Amino acid sequence: MAVTFVLSVTAPVNWLIYYYLLAPGALSWAGFPEVNLEFLKFIIFIAVIAAIVQAVEMIIDKYSPPLYMALGVYLPLIAVNCAILGASLFMVERNYTFLETVFYGAGSGFGWTLAIVTMAGIRKKLSYADVPKGLEGFGISMIITGLMAMAFMLFSGIISA
């Protein structure tokens, strides 16, 4: 839930920052139409993600200490989650509007949750399966991840068709 929330918030925030500060000609409202700060997008996006994760961490600590203790070290790890940075970068690359970015961020979070829950369910089922000795653990996880990636790629054709 925390990843979905952070994705849903960071994508629109990074959209605002990109289109009003970083994009070529974005500073024309301030009298600097020739300034292009696009080269800063990686650094700025990462800083925004880290700040929002920190805010989520403080809010969870204040309002739900048991959840904060249960999440432990995993909550700060959201900041280095590639899915969150990827969503912000795809939003820029695909030239989404603000509203599209809001739905894209929430949809990406939902998709990430779906993938993680599915992977956990499959791994739980595999704990009772007869997996060949050489594929136990990491090997079967990578095979499952590849098969799931192919399955999720099918969804990309549904929307664009």
N, C-alpha and C. Protein backbone atom coordinates (compact mmCIF):
# COMPACT_ATOMS: atom_id res chain seq x y z
N MET A 1 0.82 -1.19 0.00
CA MET A 1 0.00 0.00 0.00
C MET A 1 0.87 1.26 0.00
N ALA A 2 1.99 1.18 0.73
CA ALA A 2 2.86 2.36 0.79
C ALA A 2 3.46 2.67 -0.57
N VAL A 3 3.87 1.64 -1.31
CA VAL A 3 4.43 1.86 -2.65
C VAL A 3 3.36 2.44 -3.57
N THR A 4 2.16 1.91 -3.51
CA THR A 4 1.07 2.42 -4.34
C THR A 4 0.79 3.88 -4.01
N PHE A 5 0.76 4.21 -2.74
CA PHE A 5 0.54 5.59 -2.33
C PHE A 5 1.66 6.51 -2.82
N VAL A 6 2.90 6.09 -2.62
CA VAL A 6 4.04 6.91 -3.05
C VAL A 6 4.03 7.08 -4.56
N LEU A 7 3.73 6.02 -5.31
CA LEU A 7 3.63 6.14 -6.77
C LEU A 7 2.53 7.11 -7.17
N SER A 8 1.40 7.02 -6.50
CA SER A 8 0.26 7.88 -6.83
C SER A 8 0.54 9.35 -6.54
N VAL A 9 1.42 9.62 -5.58
CA VAL A 9 1.73 11.01 -5.23
C VAL A 9 2.93 11.53 -6.02
N THR A 10 3.98 10.73 -6.15
CA THR A 10 5.21 11.24 -6.78
C THR A 10 5.05 11.51 -8.27
N ALA A 11 4.30 10.69 -8.98
CA ALA A 11 4.17 10.92 -10.43
C ALA A 11 3.56 12.30 -10.73
N PRO A 12 2.42 12.68 -10.11
CA PRO A 12 1.89 14.03 -10.37
C PRO A 12 2.80 15.15 -9.86
N VAL A 13 3.45 14.96 -8.72
CA VAL A 13 4.35 16.00 -8.21
C VAL A 13 5.52 16.18 -9.17
N ASN A 14 6.09 15.08 -9.63
CA ASN A 14 7.19 15.18 -10.59
C ASN A 14 6.72 15.76 -11.92
N TRP A 15 5.49 15.52 -12.31
CA TRP A 15 4.95 16.13 -13.53
C TRP A 15 4.95 17.64 -13.39
N LEU A 16 4.43 18.12 -12.26
CA LEU A 16 4.39 19.57 -12.03
C LEU A 16 5.79 20.17 -12.05
N ILE A 17 6.72 19.52 -11.38
CA ILE A 17 8.08 20.03 -11.34
C ILE A 17 8.70 20.02 -12.73
N TYR A 18 8.50 18.95 -13.47
CA TYR A 18 9.10 18.87 -14.80
C TYR A 18 8.54 19.94 -15.74
N TYR A 19 7.22 20.00 -15.84
CA TYR A 19 6.63 20.90 -16.83
C TYR A 19 6.65 22.37 -16.43
N TYR A 20 6.84 22.68 -15.14
CA TYR A 20 6.88 24.08 -14.73
C TYR A 20 8.29 24.57 -14.37
N LEU A 21 9.26 23.65 -14.27
CA LEU A 21 10.62 24.08 -13.93
C LEU A 21 11.71 23.50 -14.83
N LEU A 22 11.59 22.23 -15.20
CA LEU A 22 12.72 21.55 -15.84
C LEU A 22 12.65 21.45 -17.36
N ALA A 23 11.48 21.37 -17.93
CA ALA A 23 11.33 21.16 -19.37
C ALA A 23 11.93 22.33 -20.16
N PRO A 24 12.35 22.07 -21.40
CA PRO A 24 12.86 23.17 -22.22
C PRO A 24 11.81 24.27 -22.37
N GLY A 25 12.17 25.49 -22.02
CA GLY A 25 11.26 26.62 -22.11
C GLY A 25 10.27 26.72 -20.96
N ALA A 26 10.39 25.86 -19.96
CA ALA A 26 9.44 25.87 -18.84
C ALA A 26 9.55 27.14 -18.00
N LEU A 27 10.71 27.73 -17.97
CA LEU A 27 10.90 28.93 -17.16
C LEU A 27 10.58 30.22 -17.91
N SER A 28 9.87 30.11 -19.03
CA SER A 28 9.51 31.32 -19.78
C SER A 28 8.57 32.20 -18.96
N TRP A 29 7.80 31.63 -18.05
CA TRP A 29 6.92 32.41 -17.18
C TRP A 29 7.73 33.31 -16.25
N ALA A 30 8.99 32.94 -15.99
CA ALA A 30 9.85 33.72 -15.11
C ALA A 30 10.79 34.64 -15.90
N GLY A 31 10.64 34.66 -17.21
CA GLY A 31 11.48 35.51 -18.04
C GLY A 31 12.75 34.85 -18.53
N PHE A 32 12.84 33.52 -18.44
CA PHE A 32 14.01 32.78 -18.90
C PHE A 32 13.61 31.70 -19.90
N PRO A 33 13.12 32.06 -21.08
CA PRO A 33 12.63 31.05 -22.03
C PRO A 33 13.72 30.15 -22.60
N GLU A 34 14.97 30.60 -22.59
CA GLU A 34 16.04 29.81 -23.18
C GLU A 34 16.67 28.81 -22.20
N VAL A 35 16.30 28.87 -20.93
CA VAL A 35 16.87 27.98 -19.92
C VAL A 35 16.26 26.59 -20.03
N ASN A 36 17.13 25.58 -20.05
CA ASN A 36 16.69 24.19 -20.13
C ASN A 36 17.35 23.43 -18.98
N LEU A 37 16.55 23.06 -17.99
CA LEU A 37 17.06 22.36 -16.82
C LEU A 37 16.72 20.87 -16.85
N GLU A 38 16.41 20.36 -18.02
CA GLU A 38 15.99 18.97 -18.16
C GLU A 38 17.05 17.98 -17.64
N PHE A 39 18.31 18.36 -17.72
CA PHE A 39 19.38 17.47 -17.27
C PHE A 39 19.30 17.19 -15.77
N LEU A 40 18.53 17.95 -15.03
CA LEU A 40 18.39 17.75 -13.59
C LEU A 40 17.25 16.79 -13.21
N LYS A 41 16.53 16.27 -14.22
CA LYS A 41 15.33 15.51 -13.88
C LYS A 41 15.62 14.27 -13.03
N PHE A 42 16.70 13.54 -13.27
CA PHE A 42 17.00 12.37 -12.45
C PHE A 42 17.20 12.76 -10.99
N ILE A 43 18.01 13.76 -10.77
CA ILE A 43 18.32 14.20 -9.41
C ILE A 43 17.06 14.73 -8.72
N ILE A 44 16.30 15.55 -9.41
CA ILE A 44 15.10 16.13 -8.82
C ILE A 44 14.07 15.06 -8.54
N PHE A 45 13.84 14.16 -9.49
CA PHE A 45 12.85 13.10 -9.29
C PHE A 45 13.23 12.22 -8.10
N ILE A 46 14.50 11.87 -7.98
CA ILE A 46 14.95 11.06 -6.85
C ILE A 46 14.76 11.81 -5.54
N ALA A 47 15.06 13.10 -5.53
CA ALA A 47 14.88 13.91 -4.32
C ALA A 47 13.41 13.97 -3.92
N VAL A 48 12.52 14.14 -4.90
CA VAL A 48 11.08 14.19 -4.61
C VAL A 48 10.62 12.84 -4.05
N ILE A 49 11.06 11.76 -4.66
CA ILE A 49 10.69 10.42 -4.18
C ILE A 49 11.16 10.24 -2.74
N ALA A 50 12.40 10.60 -2.46
CA ALA A 50 12.94 10.45 -1.11
C ALA A 50 12.16 11.30 -0.11
N ALA A 51 11.82 12.52 -0.50
CA ALA A 51 11.07 13.40 0.40
C ALA A 51 9.67 12.85 0.69
N ILE A 52 9.01 12.34 -0.34
CA ILE A 52 7.66 11.81 -0.13
C ILE A 52 7.70 10.54 0.70
N VAL A 53 8.69 9.68 0.46
CA VAL A 53 8.84 8.47 1.28
C VAL A 53 9.09 8.87 2.73
N GLN A 54 9.92 9.87 2.95
CA GLN A 54 10.19 10.33 4.32
C GLN A 54 8.92 10.87 4.96
N ALA A 55 8.12 11.61 4.22
CA ALA A 55 6.85 12.13 4.76
C ALA A 55 5.90 10.98 5.10
N VAL A 56 5.81 9.99 4.22
CA VAL A 56 4.95 8.82 4.49
C VAL A 56 5.44 8.10 5.74
N GLU A 57 6.75 7.97 5.87
CA GLU A 57 7.32 7.31 7.05
C GLU A 57 6.96 8.06 8.33
N MET A 58 7.06 9.37 8.31
CA MET A 58 6.72 10.16 9.50
C MET A 58 5.23 10.08 9.83
N ILE A 59 4.39 10.09 8.80
CA ILE A 59 2.94 10.01 9.01
C ILE A 59 2.57 8.65 9.60
N ILE A 60 3.15 7.58 9.05
CA ILE A 60 2.86 6.24 9.58
C ILE A 60 3.38 6.12 11.01
N ASP A 61 4.54 6.67 11.29
CA ASP A 61 5.09 6.61 12.64
C ASP A 61 4.18 7.34 13.63
N LYS A 62 3.63 8.47 13.22
CA LYS A 62 2.78 9.27 14.11
C LYS A 62 1.41 8.63 14.33
N TYR A 63 0.79 8.14 13.26
CA TYR A 63 -0.59 7.67 13.36
C TYR A 63 -0.75 6.16 13.52
N SER A 64 0.27 5.39 13.21
CA SER A 64 0.19 3.94 13.35
C SER A 64 1.54 3.34 13.73
N PRO A 65 1.96 3.55 14.98
CA PRO A 65 3.26 3.02 15.42
C PRO A 65 3.42 1.50 15.22
N PRO A 66 2.37 0.69 15.44
CA PRO A 66 2.56 -0.75 15.19
C PRO A 66 2.89 -1.05 13.72
N LEU A 67 2.23 -0.36 12.80
CA LEU A 67 2.51 -0.55 11.38
C LEU A 67 3.93 -0.08 11.06
N TYR A 68 4.32 1.03 11.66
CA TYR A 68 5.67 1.55 11.46
C TYR A 68 6.72 0.55 11.92
N MET A 69 6.48 -0.07 13.07
CA MET A 69 7.41 -1.07 13.59
C MET A 69 7.40 -2.33 12.72
N ALA A 70 6.23 -2.70 12.21
CA ALA A 70 6.13 -3.90 11.37
C ALA A 70 6.86 -3.70 10.04
N LEU A 71 6.76 -2.50 9.47
CA LEU A 71 7.43 -2.24 8.19
C LEU A 71 8.94 -2.19 8.35
N GLY A 72 9.40 -1.69 9.48
CA GLY A 72 10.83 -1.66 9.77
C GLY A 72 11.65 -1.02 8.68
N VAL A 73 12.65 -1.72 8.21
CA VAL A 73 13.59 -1.21 7.21
C VAL A 73 12.97 -1.16 5.81
N TYR A 74 11.85 -1.83 5.60
CA TYR A 74 11.29 -1.90 4.25
C TYR A 74 10.70 -0.58 3.78
N LEU A 75 10.23 0.24 4.69
CA LEU A 75 9.65 1.52 4.27
C LEU A 75 10.67 2.44 3.61
N PRO A 76 11.86 2.64 4.19
CA PRO A 76 12.85 3.47 3.49
C PRO A 76 13.31 2.87 2.17
N LEU A 77 13.20 1.56 2.01
CA LEU A 77 13.61 0.93 0.76
C LEU A 77 12.71 1.33 -0.40
N ILE A 78 11.52 1.84 -0.10
CA ILE A 78 10.63 2.30 -1.17
C ILE A 78 11.32 3.41 -1.96
N ALA A 79 12.13 4.20 -1.28
CA ALA A 79 12.80 5.32 -1.94
C ALA A 79 13.71 4.85 -3.07
N VAL A 80 14.24 3.65 -2.97
CA VAL A 80 15.13 3.16 -4.02
C VAL A 80 14.40 2.19 -4.96
N ASN A 81 13.09 2.15 -4.87
CA ASN A 81 12.32 1.28 -5.74
C ASN A 81 12.35 1.84 -7.17
N CYS A 82 12.81 1.05 -8.09
CA CYS A 82 12.94 1.49 -9.48
C CYS A 82 11.59 1.75 -10.13
N ALA A 83 10.54 1.11 -9.65
CA ALA A 83 9.21 1.32 -10.24
C ALA A 83 8.76 2.77 -10.07
N ILE A 84 9.09 3.37 -8.95
CA ILE A 84 8.67 4.74 -8.69
C ILE A 84 9.42 5.71 -9.58
N LEU A 85 10.72 5.55 -9.69
CA LEU A 85 11.51 6.42 -10.58
C LEU A 85 11.10 6.17 -12.03
N GLY A 86 10.89 4.90 -12.38
CA GLY A 86 10.48 4.57 -13.74
C GLY A 86 9.16 5.23 -14.12
N ALA A 87 8.21 5.26 -13.20
CA ALA A 87 6.92 5.90 -13.49
C ALA A 87 7.11 7.38 -13.78
N SER A 88 7.96 8.04 -13.00
CA SER A 88 8.21 9.46 -13.25
C SER A 88 8.90 9.70 -14.58
N LEU A 89 9.84 8.84 -14.92
CA LEU A 89 10.56 9.01 -16.19
C LEU A 89 9.67 8.67 -17.38
N PHE A 90 8.85 7.63 -17.26
CA PHE A 90 7.92 7.29 -18.35
C PHE A 90 6.90 8.41 -18.56
N MET A 91 6.46 9.02 -17.48
CA MET A 91 5.50 10.11 -17.58
C MET A 91 6.05 11.23 -18.44
N VAL A 92 7.32 11.54 -18.28
CA VAL A 92 7.95 12.59 -19.09
C VAL A 92 8.13 12.11 -20.52
N GLU A 93 8.64 10.89 -20.67
CA GLU A 93 8.92 10.34 -22.00
C GLU A 93 7.66 10.24 -22.86
N ARG A 94 6.57 9.86 -22.23
CA ARG A 94 5.31 9.67 -22.97
C ARG A 94 4.50 10.95 -23.09
N ASN A 95 5.00 12.03 -22.49
CA ASN A 95 4.38 13.35 -22.63
C ASN A 95 2.93 13.36 -22.14
N TYR A 96 2.69 12.76 -20.96
CA TYR A 96 1.35 12.71 -20.40
C TYR A 96 0.91 14.07 -19.89
N THR A 97 -0.41 14.30 -19.90
CA THR A 97 -0.97 15.48 -19.26
C THR A 97 -0.98 15.23 -17.76
N PHE A 98 -1.34 16.25 -17.00
CA PHE A 98 -1.36 16.09 -15.54
C PHE A 98 -2.37 15.03 -15.12
N LEU A 99 -3.57 15.06 -15.68
CA LEU A 99 -4.60 14.09 -15.32
C LEU A 99 -4.18 12.67 -15.71
N GLU A 100 -3.59 12.54 -16.89
CA GLU A 100 -3.08 11.22 -17.30
C GLU A 100 -2.00 10.74 -16.33
N THR A 101 -1.17 11.66 -15.86
CA THR A 101 -0.12 11.30 -14.92
C THR A 101 -0.69 10.83 -13.59
N VAL A 102 -1.74 11.49 -13.11
CA VAL A 102 -2.38 11.07 -11.86
C VAL A 102 -2.87 9.63 -11.99
N PHE A 103 -3.58 9.32 -13.07
CA PHE A 103 -4.10 7.97 -13.26
C PHE A 103 -2.97 6.97 -13.56
N TYR A 104 -1.95 7.44 -14.26
CA TYR A 104 -0.81 6.57 -14.54
C TYR A 104 -0.09 6.18 -13.26
N GLY A 105 0.11 7.15 -12.36
CA GLY A 105 0.76 6.86 -11.09
C GLY A 105 -0.04 5.88 -10.25
N ALA A 106 -1.34 6.11 -10.14
CA ALA A 106 -2.21 5.20 -9.36
C ALA A 106 -2.27 3.83 -10.03
N GLY A 107 -2.39 3.80 -11.35
CA GLY A 107 -2.44 2.53 -12.06
C GLY A 107 -1.13 1.75 -11.96
N SER A 108 -0.02 2.47 -12.00
CA SER A 108 1.28 1.82 -11.84
C SER A 108 1.41 1.21 -10.44
N GLY A 109 0.93 1.94 -9.45
CA GLY A 109 0.95 1.41 -8.09
C GLY A 109 0.09 0.17 -7.95
N PHE A 110 -1.08 0.21 -8.56
CA PHE A 110 -1.96 -0.96 -8.52
C PHE A 110 -1.32 -2.14 -9.25
N GLY A 111 -0.71 -1.88 -10.40
CA GLY A 111 -0.05 -2.94 -11.15
C GLY A 111 1.12 -3.53 -10.38
N TRP A 112 1.88 -2.67 -9.70
CA TRP A 112 2.99 -3.16 -8.90
C TRP A 112 2.47 -4.05 -7.77
N THR A 113 1.39 -3.61 -7.11
CA THR A 113 0.80 -4.41 -6.04
C THR A 113 0.32 -5.75 -6.57
N LEU A 114 -0.33 -5.74 -7.71
CA LEU A 114 -0.82 -6.97 -8.32
C LEU A 114 0.34 -7.93 -8.61
N ALA A 115 1.41 -7.41 -9.15
CA ALA A 115 2.58 -8.25 -9.47
C ALA A 115 3.21 -8.83 -8.20
N ILE A 116 3.36 -8.02 -7.17
CA ILE A 116 3.99 -8.49 -5.93
C ILE A 116 3.12 -9.54 -5.22
N VAL A 117 1.82 -9.29 -5.17
CA VAL A 117 0.91 -10.24 -4.53
C VAL A 117 0.88 -11.55 -5.31
N THR A 118 0.85 -11.46 -6.63
CA THR A 118 0.86 -12.66 -7.47
C THR A 118 2.15 -13.46 -7.26
N MET A 119 3.27 -12.75 -7.25
CA MET A 119 4.55 -13.42 -7.04
C MET A 119 4.61 -14.09 -5.68
N ALA A 120 4.11 -13.42 -4.66
CA ALA A 120 4.10 -14.02 -3.31
C ALA A 120 3.22 -15.26 -3.28
N GLY A 121 2.07 -15.20 -3.95
CA GLY A 121 1.18 -16.36 -4.00
C GLY A 121 1.81 -17.55 -4.71
N ILE A 122 2.47 -17.27 -5.82
CA ILE A 122 3.13 -18.35 -6.57
C ILE A 122 4.27 -18.94 -5.76
N ARG A 123 5.05 -18.09 -5.11
CA ARG A 123 6.16 -18.61 -4.29
C ARG A 123 5.66 -19.45 -3.13
N LYS A 124 4.51 -19.05 -2.56
CA LYS A 124 3.93 -19.84 -1.47
C LYS A 124 3.51 -21.21 -1.98
N LYS A 125 2.88 -21.24 -3.15
CA LYS A 125 2.48 -22.52 -3.75
C LYS A 125 3.71 -23.38 -4.06
N LEU A 126 4.78 -22.74 -4.51
CA LEU A 126 5.99 -23.48 -4.86
C LEU A 126 6.68 -24.09 -3.64
N SER A 127 6.39 -23.54 -2.46
CA SER A 127 7.02 -24.12 -1.26
C SER A 127 6.50 -25.54 -1.02
N TYR A 128 5.35 -25.88 -1.61
CA TYR A 128 4.79 -27.22 -1.50
C TYR A 128 5.03 -28.06 -2.75
N ALA A 129 5.66 -27.47 -3.77
CA ALA A 129 5.87 -28.16 -5.05
C ALA A 129 7.21 -28.90 -5.05
N ASP A 130 7.31 -29.81 -5.99
CA ASP A 130 8.54 -30.59 -6.17
C ASP A 130 9.38 -29.90 -7.24
N VAL A 131 10.17 -28.93 -6.84
CA VAL A 131 11.01 -28.16 -7.75
C VAL A 131 12.35 -28.88 -7.86
N PRO A 132 12.89 -29.02 -9.08
CA PRO A 132 14.22 -29.65 -9.23
C PRO A 132 15.27 -28.95 -8.38
N LYS A 133 16.18 -29.72 -7.85
CA LYS A 133 17.18 -29.20 -6.90
C LYS A 133 17.96 -28.00 -7.44
N GLY A 134 18.33 -28.03 -8.69
CA GLY A 134 19.10 -26.93 -9.28
C GLY A 134 18.32 -25.64 -9.46
N LEU A 135 17.00 -25.71 -9.42
CA LEU A 135 16.17 -24.52 -9.61
C LEU A 135 15.57 -23.97 -8.32
N GLU A 136 15.81 -24.62 -7.21
CA GLU A 136 15.23 -24.16 -5.95
C GLU A 136 15.71 -22.75 -5.62
N GLY A 137 14.82 -21.96 -5.02
CA GLY A 137 15.17 -20.62 -4.58
C GLY A 137 15.21 -19.60 -5.71
N PHE A 138 16.40 -19.03 -5.91
CA PHE A 138 16.57 -17.93 -6.87
C PHE A 138 16.25 -18.35 -8.30
N GLY A 139 16.65 -19.53 -8.71
CA GLY A 139 16.44 -19.99 -10.08
C GLY A 139 14.97 -20.03 -10.47
N ILE A 140 14.14 -20.66 -9.65
CA ILE A 140 12.72 -20.75 -9.98
C ILE A 140 12.05 -19.38 -9.87
N SER A 141 12.56 -18.53 -8.97
CA SER A 141 12.02 -17.17 -8.85
C SER A 141 12.25 -16.38 -10.14
N MET A 142 13.41 -16.54 -10.74
CA MET A 142 13.70 -15.82 -11.98
C MET A 142 12.86 -16.36 -13.14
N ILE A 143 12.63 -17.64 -13.17
CA ILE A 143 11.77 -18.21 -14.22
C ILE A 143 10.34 -17.69 -14.06
N ILE A 144 9.85 -17.68 -12.84
CA ILE A 144 8.50 -17.15 -12.57
C ILE A 144 8.42 -15.68 -12.94
N THR A 145 9.44 -14.92 -12.57
CA THR A 145 9.46 -13.49 -12.89
C THR A 145 9.41 -13.28 -14.40
N GLY A 146 10.16 -14.05 -15.16
CA GLY A 146 10.14 -13.94 -16.62
C GLY A 146 8.78 -14.29 -17.20
N LEU A 147 8.17 -15.34 -16.71
CA LEU A 147 6.84 -15.72 -17.19
C LEU A 147 5.80 -14.66 -16.84
N MET A 148 5.90 -14.11 -15.63
CA MET A 148 4.97 -13.05 -15.24
C MET A 148 5.18 -11.79 -16.08
N ALA A 149 6.43 -11.48 -16.40
CA ALA A 149 6.72 -10.31 -17.24
C ALA A 149 6.08 -10.46 -18.60
N MET A 150 6.17 -11.67 -19.17
CA MET A 150 5.53 -11.90 -20.47
C MET A 150 4.02 -11.77 -20.35
N ALA A 151 3.45 -12.27 -19.27
CA ALA A 151 2.01 -12.17 -19.07
C ALA A 151 1.57 -10.72 -18.92
N PHE A 152 2.32 -9.93 -18.16
CA PHE A 152 1.97 -8.53 -17.97
C PHE A 152 2.17 -7.71 -19.25
N MET A 153 3.10 -8.12 -20.09
CA MET A 153 3.30 -7.41 -21.37
C MET A 153 2.07 -7.52 -22.26
N LEU A 154 1.30 -8.55 -22.07
CA LEU A 154 0.06 -8.69 -22.86
C LEU A 154 -0.89 -7.54 -22.58
N PHE A 155 -0.88 -7.01 -21.33
CA PHE A 155 -1.76 -5.91 -20.99
C PHE A 155 -1.43 -4.65 -21.77
N SER A 156 -0.17 -4.45 -22.13
CA SER A 156 0.20 -3.25 -22.87
C SER A 156 -0.42 -3.22 -24.25
N GLY A 157 -0.69 -4.36 -24.85
CA GLY A 157 -1.32 -4.42 -26.16
C GLY A 157 -2.81 -4.16 -26.12
N ILE A 158 -3.43 -4.38 -24.97
CA ILE A 158 -4.87 -4.18 -24.84
C ILE A 158 -5.23 -2.72 -24.99
N ILE A 159 -4.49 -1.83 -24.35
CA ILE A 159 -4.81 -0.41 -24.36
C ILE A 159 -4.45 0.24 -25.67
N SER A 160 -3.32 -0.11 -26.25
CA SER A 160 -2.87 0.57 -27.46
C SER A 160 -3.56 0.05 -28.73
N ALA A 161 -4.27 -1.04 -28.65
CA ALA A 161 -4.91 -1.59 -29.84
C ALA A 161 -6.16 -0.84 -30.22
